């Protein structure tokens, strides 16, 4: 099995797929794709990733891109740590959270990119009004999703926790104000060994 990720280890979606594989304890080879050199546009890479994006998975001749699709495939195909809750409704809710984080909150993703989380940085400009509105939306939704006193969204960890913690950490690491329990949740999720392995990958500028 091969997992294709960006060579700077900055893609939050590549991180999701990486964590999923580590949690499943599936042996795999990490293949780096240099996005700065447009290696994702190489016709050979298109044979692995139809969308020509990272991450992409190659599993014994089967190729798949898009991190949420990769997670669902690994969950259906391989035993090991569950990536999603067993309960049908909770599983659906986890997928809702993943889909939402990938399709909304663009001002946060623009003003607090993944580089804020993974690379050293100086003082950042204050969030614009649009990003502040997105932050309020994120906080309100997370408070609704996360039961009080819990360190995971559901009875056990799920891959949605990793995705949500990353979005919150874009703000927490940058020094933007978050409610204490949400900041504590994001920090606790960040200590998971599979997450820390990605966080500690060597990166230019670190």
N, C-alpha and C. Protein backbone atom coordinates (compact mmCIF):
# COMPACT_ATOMS: atom_id res chain seq x y z
N UNK A 1 0.84 -1.18 0.00
CA UNK A 1 0.00 0.00 0.00
C UNK A 1 0.88 1.24 0.00
N UNK A 2 0.44 2.27 -0.74
CA UNK A 2 1.16 3.53 -0.81
C UNK A 2 0.19 4.67 -0.51
N UNK A 3 0.68 5.67 0.23
CA UNK A 3 -0.07 6.89 0.48
C UNK A 3 0.73 8.05 -0.10
N UNK A 4 0.12 8.77 -1.02
CA UNK A 4 0.75 9.91 -1.67
C UNK A 4 0.32 11.18 -0.94
N UNK A 5 1.31 11.94 -0.46
CA UNK A 5 1.03 13.17 0.29
C UNK A 5 1.93 14.28 -0.23
N UNK A 6 1.60 15.51 0.15
CA UNK A 6 2.42 16.65 -0.25
C UNK A 6 3.78 16.58 0.43
N UNK A 7 4.82 16.97 -0.29
CA UNK A 7 6.19 16.79 0.20
C UNK A 7 6.52 17.68 1.39
N UNK A 8 5.72 18.73 1.64
CA UNK A 8 5.95 19.60 2.80
C UNK A 8 5.13 19.17 4.01
N UNK A 9 4.34 18.15 3.88
CA UNK A 9 3.49 17.65 4.97
C UNK A 9 2.60 18.75 5.55
N UNK A 10 1.98 19.53 4.66
CA UNK A 10 1.14 20.64 5.11
C UNK A 10 -0.34 20.41 4.84
N UNK A 11 -0.67 19.43 4.03
CA UNK A 11 -2.07 19.21 3.70
C UNK A 11 -2.83 18.61 4.89
N UNK A 12 -3.88 19.28 5.38
CA UNK A 12 -4.65 18.70 6.48
C UNK A 12 -5.36 17.42 6.06
N UNK A 13 -5.65 17.31 4.76
CA UNK A 13 -6.36 16.13 4.28
C UNK A 13 -5.41 14.94 4.17
N UNK A 14 -4.16 15.22 3.78
CA UNK A 14 -3.15 14.16 3.80
C UNK A 14 -2.93 13.67 5.22
N UNK A 15 -2.95 14.59 6.17
CA UNK A 15 -2.82 14.21 7.58
C UNK A 15 -3.93 13.26 7.99
N UNK A 16 -5.16 13.55 7.57
CA UNK A 16 -6.28 12.69 7.92
C UNK A 16 -6.07 11.26 7.44
N UNK A 17 -5.66 11.12 6.18
CA UNK A 17 -5.43 9.78 5.63
C UNK A 17 -4.26 9.09 6.33
N UNK A 18 -3.22 9.84 6.63
CA UNK A 18 -2.06 9.29 7.34
C UNK A 18 -2.47 8.77 8.71
N UNK A 19 -3.22 9.57 9.46
CA UNK A 19 -3.68 9.16 10.79
C UNK A 19 -4.55 7.93 10.69
N UNK A 20 -5.43 7.89 9.69
CA UNK A 20 -6.31 6.73 9.53
C UNK A 20 -5.51 5.45 9.32
N UNK A 21 -4.49 5.50 8.49
CA UNK A 21 -3.65 4.33 8.26
C UNK A 21 -2.89 3.92 9.51
N UNK A 22 -2.36 4.87 10.22
CA UNK A 22 -1.64 4.55 11.45
C UNK A 22 -2.59 3.94 12.49
N UNK A 23 -3.79 4.48 12.60
CA UNK A 23 -4.74 3.94 13.56
C UNK A 23 -5.15 2.51 13.21
N UNK A 24 -5.23 2.23 11.92
CA UNK A 24 -5.56 0.87 11.47
C UNK A 24 -4.36 -0.06 11.55
N UNK A 25 -3.18 0.51 11.79
CA UNK A 25 -1.93 -0.25 11.87
C UNK A 25 -1.67 -1.03 10.57
N UNK A 26 -1.91 -0.35 9.46
CA UNK A 26 -1.68 -0.93 8.14
C UNK A 26 -0.31 -0.50 7.64
N UNK A 27 0.57 -1.42 7.31
CA UNK A 27 1.87 -1.03 6.75
C UNK A 27 1.67 -0.31 5.41
N UNK A 28 2.40 0.77 5.21
CA UNK A 28 2.28 1.49 3.94
C UNK A 28 3.56 2.26 3.67
N UNK A 29 3.75 2.58 2.40
CA UNK A 29 4.87 3.41 1.97
C UNK A 29 4.37 4.83 1.76
N UNK A 30 5.10 5.79 2.27
CA UNK A 30 4.74 7.19 2.09
C UNK A 30 5.45 7.71 0.84
N UNK A 31 4.69 8.24 -0.11
CA UNK A 31 5.24 8.78 -1.35
C UNK A 31 4.99 10.28 -1.38
N UNK A 32 6.05 11.06 -1.53
CA UNK A 32 5.94 12.52 -1.47
C UNK A 32 5.72 13.10 -2.86
N UNK A 33 4.77 14.02 -2.94
CA UNK A 33 4.43 14.70 -4.19
C UNK A 33 4.76 16.18 -4.00
N UNK A 34 5.64 16.71 -4.82
CA UNK A 34 6.05 18.11 -4.70
C UNK A 34 5.04 18.99 -5.45
N UNK A 35 4.16 19.63 -4.68
CA UNK A 35 3.13 20.46 -5.30
C UNK A 35 3.72 21.72 -5.90
N UNK A 36 4.81 22.21 -5.30
CA UNK A 36 5.45 23.41 -5.83
C UNK A 36 5.98 23.20 -7.24
N UNK A 37 6.38 21.97 -7.54
CA UNK A 37 6.86 21.62 -8.87
C UNK A 37 5.75 21.06 -9.75
N UNK A 38 4.53 21.14 -9.28
CA UNK A 38 3.35 20.68 -10.04
C UNK A 38 3.41 19.19 -10.36
N UNK A 39 4.04 18.41 -9.47
CA UNK A 39 4.13 16.97 -9.74
C UNK A 39 2.76 16.31 -9.74
N UNK A 40 1.77 16.95 -9.12
CA UNK A 40 0.43 16.39 -9.13
C UNK A 40 -0.21 16.44 -10.52
N UNK A 41 0.37 17.26 -11.41
CA UNK A 41 -0.16 17.37 -12.77
C UNK A 41 0.49 16.39 -13.73
N UNK A 42 1.46 15.64 -13.25
CA UNK A 42 2.12 14.64 -14.08
C UNK A 42 1.12 13.57 -14.50
N UNK A 43 1.07 13.21 -15.78
CA UNK A 43 0.13 12.17 -16.23
C UNK A 43 0.28 10.85 -15.47
N UNK A 44 1.49 10.54 -15.02
CA UNK A 44 1.68 9.31 -14.25
C UNK A 44 0.96 9.38 -12.92
N UNK A 45 0.93 10.57 -12.31
CA UNK A 45 0.21 10.71 -11.05
C UNK A 45 -1.29 10.61 -11.26
N UNK A 46 -1.76 11.04 -12.42
CA UNK A 46 -3.19 10.94 -12.73
C UNK A 46 -3.65 9.49 -12.76
N UNK A 47 -2.73 8.57 -12.97
CA UNK A 47 -3.10 7.15 -12.93
C UNK A 47 -3.42 6.70 -11.51
N UNK A 48 -2.89 7.42 -10.53
CA UNK A 48 -3.14 7.11 -9.13
C UNK A 48 -4.28 7.97 -8.58
N UNK A 49 -4.26 9.25 -8.91
CA UNK A 49 -5.27 10.19 -8.42
C UNK A 49 -6.01 10.81 -9.60
N UNK A 50 -7.21 10.35 -9.83
CA UNK A 50 -8.00 10.88 -10.94
C UNK A 50 -8.20 12.38 -10.80
N UNK A 51 -8.34 12.84 -9.55
CA UNK A 51 -8.54 14.27 -9.28
C UNK A 51 -7.23 15.06 -9.28
N UNK A 52 -6.10 14.34 -9.35
CA UNK A 52 -4.77 14.95 -9.34
C UNK A 52 -4.55 15.80 -8.09
N UNK A 53 -5.04 15.28 -6.97
CA UNK A 53 -4.86 15.96 -5.69
C UNK A 53 -4.23 15.00 -4.69
N UNK A 54 -3.76 15.55 -3.60
CA UNK A 54 -3.30 14.73 -2.48
C UNK A 54 -4.30 14.90 -1.34
N UNK A 55 -4.46 13.83 -0.57
CA UNK A 55 -3.78 12.55 -0.62
C UNK A 55 -4.39 11.63 -1.68
N UNK A 56 -3.66 10.58 -1.98
CA UNK A 56 -4.17 9.50 -2.81
C UNK A 56 -3.64 8.20 -2.24
N UNK A 57 -4.42 7.15 -2.42
CA UNK A 57 -4.08 5.83 -1.88
C UNK A 57 -3.97 4.83 -3.01
N UNK A 58 -2.95 4.00 -2.96
CA UNK A 58 -2.81 2.90 -3.90
C UNK A 58 -2.76 1.61 -3.10
N UNK A 59 -3.73 0.74 -3.33
CA UNK A 59 -3.86 -0.49 -2.55
C UNK A 59 -4.02 -1.68 -3.48
N UNK A 60 -2.90 -2.32 -3.79
CA UNK A 60 -2.92 -3.53 -4.61
C UNK A 60 -3.66 -3.30 -5.93
N UNK A 61 -3.31 -2.22 -6.60
CA UNK A 61 -3.91 -1.93 -7.91
C UNK A 61 -5.16 -1.09 -7.85
N UNK A 62 -5.70 -0.86 -6.66
CA UNK A 62 -6.87 0.00 -6.51
C UNK A 62 -6.40 1.39 -6.09
N UNK A 63 -6.89 2.42 -6.77
CA UNK A 63 -6.44 3.78 -6.50
C UNK A 63 -7.63 4.64 -6.06
N UNK A 64 -7.37 5.51 -5.10
CA UNK A 64 -8.44 6.32 -4.53
C UNK A 64 -7.88 7.64 -4.04
N UNK A 65 -8.60 8.73 -4.31
CA UNK A 65 -8.21 10.03 -3.78
C UNK A 65 -9.37 10.59 -2.97
N UNK A 66 -9.12 11.74 -2.33
CA UNK A 66 -10.03 12.42 -1.41
C UNK A 66 -10.01 11.73 -0.04
N UNK A 67 -9.61 12.49 0.96
CA UNK A 67 -9.32 11.92 2.27
C UNK A 67 -10.52 11.24 2.93
N UNK A 68 -11.71 11.83 2.82
CA UNK A 68 -12.86 11.20 3.45
C UNK A 68 -13.20 9.87 2.78
N UNK A 69 -13.05 9.81 1.45
CA UNK A 69 -13.27 8.55 0.74
C UNK A 69 -12.24 7.51 1.16
N UNK A 70 -11.00 7.94 1.33
CA UNK A 70 -9.94 7.02 1.77
C UNK A 70 -10.27 6.47 3.15
N UNK A 71 -10.70 7.33 4.06
CA UNK A 71 -11.04 6.88 5.41
C UNK A 71 -12.19 5.86 5.39
N UNK A 72 -13.21 6.13 4.61
CA UNK A 72 -14.34 5.22 4.54
C UNK A 72 -13.94 3.89 3.92
N UNK A 73 -13.08 3.94 2.92
CA UNK A 73 -12.58 2.70 2.31
C UNK A 73 -11.78 1.87 3.32
N UNK A 74 -10.87 2.52 4.03
CA UNK A 74 -10.07 1.80 5.01
C UNK A 74 -10.94 1.20 6.11
N UNK A 75 -11.98 1.93 6.51
CA UNK A 75 -12.88 1.43 7.54
C UNK A 75 -13.62 0.19 7.07
N UNK A 76 -14.06 0.20 5.82
CA UNK A 76 -14.82 -0.93 5.28
C UNK A 76 -13.91 -2.12 4.94
N UNK A 77 -12.67 -1.84 4.61
CA UNK A 77 -11.79 -2.89 4.07
C UNK A 77 -10.92 -3.55 5.13
N UNK A 78 -10.54 -2.81 6.18
CA UNK A 78 -9.53 -3.31 7.10
C UNK A 78 -10.00 -3.27 8.55
N UNK A 79 -9.59 -4.28 9.34
CA UNK A 79 -9.88 -4.24 10.78
C UNK A 79 -8.94 -3.26 11.47
N UNK A 80 -8.97 -3.29 12.78
CA UNK A 80 -8.12 -2.37 13.54
C UNK A 80 -8.98 -1.33 14.23
N UNK A 81 -8.33 -0.29 14.72
CA UNK A 81 -9.05 0.78 15.40
C UNK A 81 -10.16 1.31 14.51
N UNK A 82 -11.36 1.43 15.05
CA UNK A 82 -12.48 1.97 14.28
C UNK A 82 -12.27 3.45 14.01
N UNK A 83 -12.46 3.84 12.77
CA UNK A 83 -12.34 5.25 12.40
C UNK A 83 -13.65 6.00 12.60
N UNK A 84 -14.75 5.25 12.64
CA UNK A 84 -16.07 5.85 12.79
C UNK A 84 -16.85 5.11 13.87
N UNK A 85 -17.82 5.76 14.50
CA UNK A 85 -18.65 5.06 15.49
C UNK A 85 -19.42 3.91 14.85
N UNK A 86 -19.72 2.89 15.66
CA UNK A 86 -20.46 1.75 15.15
C UNK A 86 -21.93 2.08 14.94
N UNK A 87 -22.47 2.92 15.79
CA UNK A 87 -23.87 3.31 15.67
C UNK A 87 -24.10 4.07 14.36
N UNK A 88 -25.14 3.70 13.62
CA UNK A 88 -25.38 4.26 12.30
C UNK A 88 -25.57 5.77 12.34
N UNK A 89 -26.34 6.25 13.29
CA UNK A 89 -26.58 7.70 13.36
C UNK A 89 -25.34 8.46 13.78
N UNK A 90 -24.58 7.91 14.72
CA UNK A 90 -23.33 8.57 15.12
C UNK A 90 -22.33 8.56 13.97
N UNK A 91 -22.28 7.47 13.22
CA UNK A 91 -21.40 7.40 12.06
C UNK A 91 -21.79 8.46 11.04
N UNK A 92 -23.07 8.61 10.80
CA UNK A 92 -23.54 9.62 9.87
C UNK A 92 -23.17 11.02 10.35
N UNK A 93 -23.27 11.25 11.65
CA UNK A 93 -22.93 12.55 12.21
C UNK A 93 -21.42 12.83 12.05
N UNK A 94 -20.59 11.81 12.25
CA UNK A 94 -19.15 11.98 12.05
C UNK A 94 -18.85 12.36 10.61
N UNK A 95 -19.54 11.73 9.67
CA UNK A 95 -19.34 12.06 8.26
C UNK A 95 -19.88 13.45 7.94
N UNK A 96 -20.94 13.85 8.61
CA UNK A 96 -21.45 15.21 8.45
C UNK A 96 -20.38 16.22 8.85
N UNK A 97 -19.75 15.97 9.99
CA UNK A 97 -18.71 16.89 10.48
C UNK A 97 -17.56 16.96 9.48
N UNK A 98 -17.12 15.81 8.98
CA UNK A 98 -16.03 15.80 8.01
C UNK A 98 -16.41 16.59 6.75
N UNK A 99 -17.61 16.34 6.24
CA UNK A 99 -18.04 17.02 5.01
C UNK A 99 -18.13 18.53 5.23
N UNK A 100 -18.64 18.92 6.39
CA UNK A 100 -18.79 20.35 6.70
C UNK A 100 -17.43 21.04 6.76
N UNK A 101 -16.48 20.41 7.45
CA UNK A 101 -15.16 21.02 7.60
C UNK A 101 -14.44 21.17 6.26
N UNK A 102 -14.78 20.34 5.29
CA UNK A 102 -14.14 20.40 3.98
C UNK A 102 -14.82 21.38 3.02
N UNK A 103 -16.01 21.83 3.36
CA UNK A 103 -16.77 22.62 2.40
C UNK A 103 -17.17 24.01 2.92
N UNK A 104 -16.81 24.33 4.17
CA UNK A 104 -17.24 25.58 4.77
C UNK A 104 -16.05 26.22 5.49
N UNK A 105 -16.30 27.35 6.13
CA UNK A 105 -15.31 28.03 6.97
C UNK A 105 -14.08 28.49 6.18
N UNK A 106 -14.31 28.83 4.92
CA UNK A 106 -13.20 29.23 4.05
C UNK A 106 -12.38 30.39 4.60
N UNK A 107 -13.02 31.44 5.20
CA UNK A 107 -12.19 32.53 5.72
C UNK A 107 -11.17 32.07 6.76
N UNK A 108 -11.53 31.08 7.59
CA UNK A 108 -10.56 30.56 8.56
C UNK A 108 -9.44 29.86 7.83
N UNK A 109 -9.78 29.04 6.85
CA UNK A 109 -8.76 28.30 6.12
C UNK A 109 -7.83 29.23 5.35
N UNK A 110 -8.35 30.38 4.91
CA UNK A 110 -7.51 31.33 4.18
C UNK A 110 -6.61 32.13 5.12
N UNK A 111 -7.16 32.58 6.24
CA UNK A 111 -6.41 33.46 7.14
C UNK A 111 -5.61 32.72 8.19
N UNK A 112 -5.96 31.47 8.42
CA UNK A 112 -5.21 30.62 9.35
C UNK A 112 -4.95 29.28 8.66
N UNK A 113 -4.07 29.32 7.67
CA UNK A 113 -3.80 28.13 6.87
C UNK A 113 -3.14 27.06 7.72
N UNK A 114 -3.01 25.88 7.15
CA UNK A 114 -2.36 24.78 7.86
C UNK A 114 -0.91 25.11 8.20
N UNK A 115 -0.31 26.05 7.48
CA UNK A 115 1.06 26.45 7.79
C UNK A 115 1.15 27.05 9.20
N UNK A 116 0.07 27.68 9.64
CA UNK A 116 0.04 28.24 11.00
C UNK A 116 0.22 27.13 12.03
N UNK A 117 -0.35 25.97 11.74
CA UNK A 117 -0.30 24.85 12.67
C UNK A 117 1.04 24.12 12.61
N UNK A 118 1.57 23.95 11.41
CA UNK A 118 2.72 23.06 11.23
C UNK A 118 4.07 23.75 11.09
N UNK A 119 4.08 25.05 10.84
CA UNK A 119 5.34 25.77 10.66
C UNK A 119 5.49 26.86 11.71
N UNK A 120 6.72 27.26 11.97
CA UNK A 120 6.97 28.39 12.86
C UNK A 120 6.46 29.67 12.19
N UNK A 121 5.94 30.58 12.99
CA UNK A 121 5.42 31.82 12.43
C UNK A 121 5.51 32.92 13.48
N UNK A 122 5.52 34.14 13.01
CA UNK A 122 5.49 35.28 13.91
C UNK A 122 4.06 35.69 14.20
N UNK A 123 3.92 36.95 14.62
CA UNK A 123 2.59 37.47 14.91
C UNK A 123 1.75 37.50 13.64
N UNK A 124 0.49 37.14 13.77
CA UNK A 124 -0.41 37.12 12.64
C UNK A 124 -1.39 38.29 12.74
N UNK A 125 -1.87 38.78 11.59
CA UNK A 125 -2.84 39.88 11.65
C UNK A 125 -4.15 39.40 12.26
N UNK A 126 -4.91 40.30 12.85
CA UNK A 126 -6.20 39.89 13.41
C UNK A 126 -7.11 39.32 12.33
N UNK A 127 -8.02 38.49 12.73
CA UNK A 127 -8.98 37.94 11.80
C UNK A 127 -9.88 39.05 11.24
N UNK A 128 -10.20 38.94 9.97
CA UNK A 128 -11.14 39.88 9.36
C UNK A 128 -12.55 39.61 9.90
N UNK A 129 -13.45 40.49 9.58
CA UNK A 129 -14.84 40.31 10.01
C UNK A 129 -15.41 39.00 9.49
N UNK A 130 -15.05 38.65 8.25
CA UNK A 130 -15.56 37.40 7.67
C UNK A 130 -15.03 36.19 8.44
N UNK A 131 -13.75 36.23 8.79
CA UNK A 131 -13.16 35.11 9.53
C UNK A 131 -13.71 35.05 10.96
N UNK A 132 -13.96 36.21 11.56
CA UNK A 132 -14.55 36.21 12.89
C UNK A 132 -15.94 35.60 12.88
N UNK A 133 -16.69 35.87 11.83
CA UNK A 133 -18.02 35.26 11.69
C UNK A 133 -17.90 33.75 11.54
N UNK A 134 -16.91 33.30 10.76
CA UNK A 134 -16.68 31.87 10.60
C UNK A 134 -16.25 31.24 11.92
N UNK A 135 -15.43 31.96 12.69
CA UNK A 135 -15.01 31.46 14.00
C UNK A 135 -16.23 31.27 14.91
N UNK A 136 -17.12 32.25 14.93
CA UNK A 136 -18.31 32.12 15.77
C UNK A 136 -19.16 30.93 15.34
N UNK A 137 -19.24 30.71 14.05
CA UNK A 137 -19.99 29.56 13.55
C UNK A 137 -19.33 28.26 13.96
N UNK A 138 -17.99 28.20 13.86
CA UNK A 138 -17.24 27.02 14.26
C UNK A 138 -17.43 26.73 15.75
N UNK A 139 -17.33 27.77 16.56
CA UNK A 139 -17.48 27.60 18.01
C UNK A 139 -18.87 27.10 18.35
N UNK A 140 -19.89 27.71 17.76
CA UNK A 140 -21.27 27.30 18.07
C UNK A 140 -21.51 25.86 17.66
N UNK A 141 -21.03 25.48 16.48
CA UNK A 141 -21.24 24.11 16.01
C UNK A 141 -20.47 23.11 16.87
N UNK A 142 -19.22 23.44 17.21
CA UNK A 142 -18.43 22.51 18.03
C UNK A 142 -19.04 22.34 19.41
N UNK A 143 -19.54 23.41 19.99
CA UNK A 143 -20.20 23.29 21.28
C UNK A 143 -21.44 22.41 21.20
N UNK A 144 -22.11 22.43 20.06
CA UNK A 144 -23.28 21.57 19.88
C UNK A 144 -22.86 20.12 19.63
N UNK A 145 -21.78 19.93 18.89
CA UNK A 145 -21.32 18.57 18.57
C UNK A 145 -20.67 17.88 19.77
N UNK A 146 -19.91 18.64 20.57
CA UNK A 146 -19.07 18.05 21.61
C UNK A 146 -19.79 18.07 22.95
N UNK A 147 -20.15 16.89 23.49
CA UNK A 147 -20.83 16.87 24.79
C UNK A 147 -19.93 17.45 25.89
N UNK A 148 -20.50 18.20 26.83
CA UNK A 148 -19.71 18.77 27.93
C UNK A 148 -18.96 17.68 28.69
N UNK A 149 -17.71 17.97 29.05
CA UNK A 149 -16.90 17.04 29.82
C UNK A 149 -16.25 15.94 29.01
N UNK A 150 -16.46 15.93 27.70
CA UNK A 150 -15.90 14.87 26.87
C UNK A 150 -14.66 15.35 26.14
N UNK A 151 -13.75 14.43 25.88
CA UNK A 151 -12.56 14.75 25.09
C UNK A 151 -12.64 14.15 23.69
N UNK A 152 -13.79 13.59 23.32
CA UNK A 152 -14.02 13.10 21.97
C UNK A 152 -15.48 13.35 21.62
N UNK A 153 -15.76 13.40 20.34
CA UNK A 153 -17.11 13.70 19.89
C UNK A 153 -18.11 12.61 20.25
N UNK A 154 -17.63 11.37 20.26
CA UNK A 154 -18.49 10.22 20.51
C UNK A 154 -17.92 9.41 21.67
N UNK A 155 -18.46 8.25 21.92
CA UNK A 155 -18.00 7.45 23.06
C UNK A 155 -16.52 7.10 22.94
N UNK A 156 -16.03 6.94 21.71
CA UNK A 156 -14.63 6.67 21.46
C UNK A 156 -14.12 7.62 20.38
N UNK A 157 -12.81 7.71 20.28
CA UNK A 157 -12.19 8.54 19.25
C UNK A 157 -12.71 8.17 17.87
N UNK A 158 -12.82 9.15 17.01
CA UNK A 158 -13.11 8.91 15.59
C UNK A 158 -12.24 9.83 14.75
N UNK A 159 -12.14 9.54 13.47
CA UNK A 159 -11.32 10.36 12.58
C UNK A 159 -11.89 11.78 12.47
N UNK A 160 -13.18 11.95 12.76
CA UNK A 160 -13.77 13.29 12.77
C UNK A 160 -13.16 14.15 13.87
N UNK A 161 -12.73 13.52 14.96
CA UNK A 161 -12.04 14.26 16.02
C UNK A 161 -10.75 14.89 15.50
N UNK A 162 -10.02 14.14 14.72
CA UNK A 162 -8.76 14.66 14.16
C UNK A 162 -9.04 15.85 13.25
N UNK A 163 -10.04 15.73 12.39
CA UNK A 163 -10.37 16.82 11.47
C UNK A 163 -10.83 18.06 12.23
N UNK A 164 -11.70 17.87 13.21
CA UNK A 164 -12.22 19.02 13.96
C UNK A 164 -11.12 19.67 14.80
N UNK A 165 -10.29 18.86 15.41
CA UNK A 165 -9.19 19.42 16.21
C UNK A 165 -8.24 20.25 15.34
N UNK A 166 -7.99 19.80 14.12
CA UNK A 166 -7.12 20.58 13.24
C UNK A 166 -7.72 21.94 12.93
N UNK A 167 -9.03 21.98 12.65
CA UNK A 167 -9.65 23.26 12.37
C UNK A 167 -9.57 24.18 13.59
N UNK A 168 -9.81 23.65 14.77
CA UNK A 168 -9.71 24.46 15.98
C UNK A 168 -8.27 24.90 16.24
N UNK A 169 -7.32 24.03 15.94
CA UNK A 169 -5.92 24.36 16.20
C UNK A 169 -5.39 25.43 15.26
N UNK A 170 -6.01 25.61 14.11
CA UNK A 170 -5.64 26.74 13.26
C UNK A 170 -5.77 28.05 14.05
N UNK A 171 -6.77 28.10 14.91
CA UNK A 171 -7.04 29.30 15.70
C UNK A 171 -6.27 29.27 17.01
N UNK A 172 -6.29 28.12 17.68
CA UNK A 172 -5.62 28.03 18.99
C UNK A 172 -4.13 28.32 18.86
N UNK A 173 -3.47 27.72 17.89
CA UNK A 173 -2.03 27.91 17.73
C UNK A 173 -1.71 29.35 17.35
N UNK A 174 -2.62 29.99 16.62
CA UNK A 174 -2.41 31.37 16.21
C UNK A 174 -2.68 32.36 17.34
N UNK A 175 -3.23 31.87 18.46
CA UNK A 175 -3.51 32.75 19.58
C UNK A 175 -4.88 33.39 19.55
N UNK A 176 -5.75 32.95 18.64
CA UNK A 176 -7.10 33.47 18.60
C UNK A 176 -7.91 32.86 19.75
N UNK A 177 -8.84 33.64 20.27
CA UNK A 177 -9.60 33.22 21.45
C UNK A 177 -10.58 32.11 21.11
N UNK A 178 -10.54 31.06 21.93
CA UNK A 178 -11.50 29.96 21.86
C UNK A 178 -12.02 29.70 23.26
N UNK A 179 -13.27 29.23 23.40
CA UNK A 179 -13.72 28.80 24.72
C UNK A 179 -12.78 27.75 25.29
N UNK A 180 -12.57 27.79 26.59
CA UNK A 180 -11.56 26.95 27.23
C UNK A 180 -11.77 25.47 26.93
N UNK A 181 -13.01 25.00 26.97
CA UNK A 181 -13.21 23.56 26.79
C UNK A 181 -12.94 23.12 25.34
N UNK A 182 -13.14 24.03 24.38
CA UNK A 182 -12.83 23.69 23.00
C UNK A 182 -11.32 23.69 22.77
N UNK A 183 -10.63 24.65 23.38
CA UNK A 183 -9.17 24.67 23.28
C UNK A 183 -8.57 23.43 23.93
N UNK A 184 -9.12 23.02 25.07
CA UNK A 184 -8.63 21.83 25.76
C UNK A 184 -8.88 20.58 24.93
N UNK A 185 -10.04 20.52 24.29
CA UNK A 185 -10.36 19.39 23.40
C UNK A 185 -9.36 19.31 22.25
N UNK A 186 -9.11 20.44 21.59
CA UNK A 186 -8.19 20.46 20.46
C UNK A 186 -6.79 20.06 20.88
N UNK A 187 -6.35 20.55 22.02
CA UNK A 187 -5.01 20.23 22.51
C UNK A 187 -4.91 18.75 22.87
N UNK A 188 -5.95 18.20 23.50
CA UNK A 188 -5.94 16.78 23.88
C UNK A 188 -5.91 15.90 22.64
N UNK A 189 -6.69 16.23 21.64
CA UNK A 189 -6.70 15.44 20.41
C UNK A 189 -5.35 15.49 19.70
N UNK A 190 -4.65 16.60 19.87
CA UNK A 190 -3.36 16.78 19.20
C UNK A 190 -2.29 15.86 19.77
N UNK A 191 -2.51 15.33 20.97
CA UNK A 191 -1.52 14.48 21.62
C UNK A 191 -1.61 13.02 21.19
N UNK A 192 -2.60 12.68 20.39
CA UNK A 192 -2.73 11.29 19.94
C UNK A 192 -1.47 10.90 19.17
N UNK A 193 -0.88 9.73 19.45
CA UNK A 193 0.41 9.38 18.81
C UNK A 193 0.39 9.44 17.29
N UNK A 194 -0.69 9.00 16.66
CA UNK A 194 -0.75 9.03 15.20
C UNK A 194 -0.72 10.46 14.69
N UNK A 195 -1.36 11.37 15.42
CA UNK A 195 -1.37 12.78 15.05
C UNK A 195 0.02 13.38 15.26
N UNK A 196 0.62 13.08 16.40
CA UNK A 196 1.94 13.62 16.70
C UNK A 196 2.99 13.15 15.69
N UNK A 197 2.83 11.95 15.16
CA UNK A 197 3.78 11.48 14.15
C UNK A 197 3.73 12.36 12.91
N UNK A 198 2.53 12.76 12.51
CA UNK A 198 2.40 13.68 11.37
C UNK A 198 2.93 15.07 11.73
N UNK A 199 2.56 15.55 12.89
CA UNK A 199 2.98 16.88 13.32
C UNK A 199 4.50 17.00 13.32
N UNK A 200 5.19 15.93 13.68
CA UNK A 200 6.64 15.96 13.84
C UNK A 200 7.41 15.56 12.59
N UNK A 201 6.73 15.46 11.45
CA UNK A 201 7.45 15.21 10.21
C UNK A 201 8.36 16.40 9.90
N UNK A 202 9.53 16.15 9.29
CA UNK A 202 10.44 17.26 8.96
C UNK A 202 9.87 18.14 7.85
N UNK A 203 9.89 19.43 8.09
CA UNK A 203 9.33 20.38 7.13
C UNK A 203 10.30 21.53 6.88
N UNK A 204 10.38 22.03 5.66
CA UNK A 204 11.16 23.25 5.42
C UNK A 204 10.59 24.39 6.25
N UNK A 205 11.44 25.14 6.87
CA UNK A 205 11.00 26.28 7.67
C UNK A 205 10.77 25.95 9.12
N UNK A 206 10.92 24.67 9.51
CA UNK A 206 10.73 24.30 10.91
C UNK A 206 12.06 24.36 11.65
